[in-house]
Amino acid sequence: MTDTLQWTATATGVVAAILVAVHAGARVTGIGFLIFIVSSVSWVAFGAIEDQHGLVVQNVVLTAINIFGVYRYLIVGKPFALKGRNAPAA
């Protein structure tokens, strides 16, 4: 079971990183964040079974970040500019 979790987490993490890195649009990036959630949850399960508390905490935080990424790219539909950064000139 732990081998399956570990390899699932690894493979999905690699695929997600590629999708986010290519930055091929909001939909592809959002799908990358969805896959990152699968990776993070798999690492949380693996860490819990193997009593790896640091891995669990790290991936709980990463899961929250990835949920925000899904919201930002799939629900809102496009990344929003932070005030003062990449904002259109007035």
C-alpha atoms as a PDB file:
ATOM      1  CA  MET A   1       0.000   0.000   0.000  1.00  0.00           C
ATOM      2  CA  THR A   2       2.709   2.495   0.900  1.00  0.00           C
ATOM      3  CA  ASP A   3       4.568   1.780  -2.342  1.00  0.00           C
ATOM      4  CA  THR A   4       1.419   2.589  -4.310  1.00  0.00           C
ATOM      5  CA  LEU A   5       0.871   5.827  -2.368  1.00  0.00           C
ATOM      6  CA  GLN A   6       4.492   6.861  -2.715  1.00  0.00           C
ATOM      7  CA  TRP A   7       4.645   6.250  -6.469  1.00  0.00           C
ATOM      8  CA  THR A   8       1.229   7.827  -7.042  1.00  0.00           C
ATOM      9  CA  ALA A   9       2.373  10.927  -5.166  1.00  0.00           C
ATOM     10  CA  THR A  10       5.625  11.040  -7.117  1.00  0.00           C
ATOM     11  CA  ALA A  11       4.124  10.514 -10.570  1.00  0.00           C
ATOM     12  CA  THR A  12       1.254  12.963 -10.074  1.00  0.00           C
ATOM     13  CA  GLY A  13       3.643  15.538  -8.637  1.00  0.00           C
ATOM     14  CA  VAL A  14       5.873  15.333 -11.709  1.00  0.00           C
ATOM     15  CA  VAL A  15       2.938  15.558 -14.135  1.00  0.00           C
ATOM     16  CA  ALA A  16       1.436  18.490 -12.213  1.00  0.00           C
ATOM     17  CA  ALA A  17       4.746  20.356 -12.143  1.00  0.00           C
ATOM     18  CA  ILE A  18       5.074  19.985 -15.918  1.00  0.00           C
ATOM     19  CA  LEU A  19       1.522  21.262 -16.507  1.00  0.00           C
ATOM     20  CA  VAL A  20       2.015  24.286 -14.266  1.00  0.00           C
ATOM     21  CA  ALA A  21       5.490  25.035 -15.653  1.00  0.00           C
ATOM     22  CA  VAL A  22       4.430  25.101 -19.311  1.00  0.00           C
ATOM     23  CA  HIS A  23       1.879  27.789 -18.450  1.00  0.00           C
ATOM     24  CA  ALA A  24      -0.286  26.872 -21.441  1.00  0.00           C
ATOM     25  CA  GLY A  25      -3.276  28.824 -20.202  1.00  0.00           C
ATOM     26  CA  ALA A  26      -5.519  29.017 -17.177  1.00  0.00           C
ATOM     27  CA  ARG A  27      -7.276  25.688 -17.806  1.00  0.00           C
ATOM     28  CA  VAL A  28      -4.076  23.636 -18.163  1.00  0.00           C
ATOM     29  CA  THR A  29      -2.509  25.347 -15.151  1.00  0.00           C
ATOM     30  CA  GLY A  30      -5.678  24.721 -13.118  1.00  0.00           C
ATOM     31  CA  ILE A  31      -5.634  21.044 -14.091  1.00  0.00           C
ATOM     32  CA  GLY A  32      -2.013  20.974 -12.939  1.00  0.00           C
ATOM     33  CA  PHE A  33      -3.116  22.287  -9.547  1.00  0.00           C
ATOM     34  CA  LEU A  34      -5.856  19.625  -9.389  1.00  0.00           C
ATOM     35  CA  ILE A  35      -3.252  16.946 -10.010  1.00  0.00           C
ATOM     36  CA  PHE A  36      -1.001  18.564  -7.373  1.00  0.00           C
ATOM     37  CA  ILE A  37      -3.875  18.053  -4.908  1.00  0.00           C
ATOM     38  CA  VAL A  38      -3.853  14.318  -5.672  1.00  0.00           C
ATOM     39  CA  SER A  39      -0.095  14.308  -5.112  1.00  0.00           C
ATOM     40  CA  SER A  40      -0.288  16.217  -1.833  1.00  0.00           C
ATOM     41  CA  VAL A  41      -3.104  14.078  -0.449  1.00  0.00           C
ATOM     42  CA  SER A  42      -1.155  10.955  -1.393  1.00  0.00           C
ATOM     43  CA  TRP A  43       1.899  12.287   0.439  1.00  0.00           C
ATOM     44  CA  VAL A  44      -0.254  13.093   3.484  1.00  0.00           C
ATOM     45  CA  ALA A  45      -1.575   9.516   3.531  1.00  0.00           C
ATOM     46  CA  PHE A  46       1.906   8.078   3.042  1.00  0.00           C
ATOM     47  CA  GLY A  47       3.360  10.312   5.754  1.00  0.00           C
ATOM     48  CA  ALA A  48       0.588   9.388   8.187  1.00  0.00           C
ATOM     49  CA  ILE A  49       1.123   5.659   7.622  1.00  0.00           C
ATOM     50  CA  GLU A  50       4.906   5.978   7.894  1.00  0.00           C
ATOM     51  CA  ASP A  51       4.722   8.349  10.911  1.00  0.00           C
ATOM     52  CA  GLN A  52       6.460  11.161   8.978  1.00  0.00           C
ATOM     53  CA  HIS A  53       4.974  14.230  10.647  1.00  0.00           C
ATOM     54  CA  GLY A  54       7.018  16.776   8.705  1.00  0.00           C
ATOM     55  CA  LEU A  55       5.857  15.311   5.397  1.00  0.00           C
ATOM     56  CA  VAL A  56       2.252  15.421   6.586  1.00  0.00           C
ATOM     57  CA  VAL A  57       2.426  19.055   7.707  1.00  0.00           C
ATOM     58  CA  GLN A  58       4.209  20.170   4.535  1.00  0.00           C
ATOM     59  CA  ASN A  59       1.647  18.536   2.289  1.00  0.00           C
ATOM     60  CA  VAL A  60      -1.363  19.756   4.251  1.00  0.00           C
ATOM     61  CA  VAL A  61      -0.068  23.276   3.609  1.00  0.00           C
ATOM     62  CA  LEU A  62       0.653  22.456  -0.043  1.00  0.00           C
ATOM     63  CA  THR A  63      -2.875  21.078  -0.402  1.00  0.00           C
ATOM     64  CA  ALA A  64      -4.268  24.411   0.777  1.00  0.00           C
ATOM     65  CA  ILE A  65      -2.028  26.269  -1.685  1.00  0.00           C
ATOM     66  CA  ASN A  66      -3.116  23.945  -4.485  1.00  0.00           C
ATOM     67  CA  ILE A  67      -6.790  24.485  -3.641  1.00  0.00           C
ATOM     68  CA  PHE A  68      -6.142  28.205  -3.998  1.00  0.00           C
ATOM     69  CA  GLY A  69      -4.506  27.495  -7.375  1.00  0.00           C
ATOM     70  CA  VAL A  70      -7.589  25.579  -8.514  1.00  0.00           C
ATOM     71  CA  TYR A  71      -9.795  28.467  -7.378  1.00  0.00           C
ATOM     72  CA  ARG A  72      -7.594  31.017  -9.104  1.00  0.00           C
ATOM     73  CA  TYR A  73      -7.203  29.238 -12.442  1.00  0.00           C
ATOM     74  CA  LEU A  74     -10.322  27.076 -12.831  1.00  0.00           C
ATOM     75  CA  ILE A  75     -13.047  28.782 -10.813  1.00  0.00           C
ATOM     76  CA  VAL A  76     -12.133  32.429 -11.397  1.00  0.00           C
ATOM     77  CA  GLY A  77     -10.857  31.439 -14.841  1.00  0.00           C
ATOM     78  CA  LYS A  78      -7.791  33.617 -15.028  1.00  0.00           C
ATOM     79  CA  PRO A  79      -5.047  34.712 -12.689  1.00  0.00           C
ATOM     80  CA  PHE A  80      -5.664  38.036 -11.070  1.00  0.00           C
ATOM     81  CA  ALA A  81      -2.937  40.634 -10.792  1.00  0.00           C
ATOM     82  CA  LEU A  82      -1.749  41.567  -7.346  1.00  0.00           C
ATOM     83  CA  LYS A  83      -2.037  45.267  -6.639  1.00  0.00           C
ATOM     84  CA  GLY A  84       1.096  47.029  -7.813  1.00  0.00           C
ATOM     85  CA  ARG A  85       2.345  44.045  -9.820  1.00  0.00           C
ATOM     86  CA  ASN A  86       1.502  43.605 -13.471  1.00  0.00           C
ATOM     87  CA  ALA A  87      -1.350  46.058 -13.052  1.00  0.00           C
ATOM     88  CA  PRO A  88      -2.350  47.988 -16.159  1.00  0.00           C
ATOM     89  CA  ALA A  89      -1.171  51.575 -16.235  1.00  0.00           C
ATOM     90  CA  ALA A  90      -3.819  54.072 -15.214  1.00  0.00           C
END
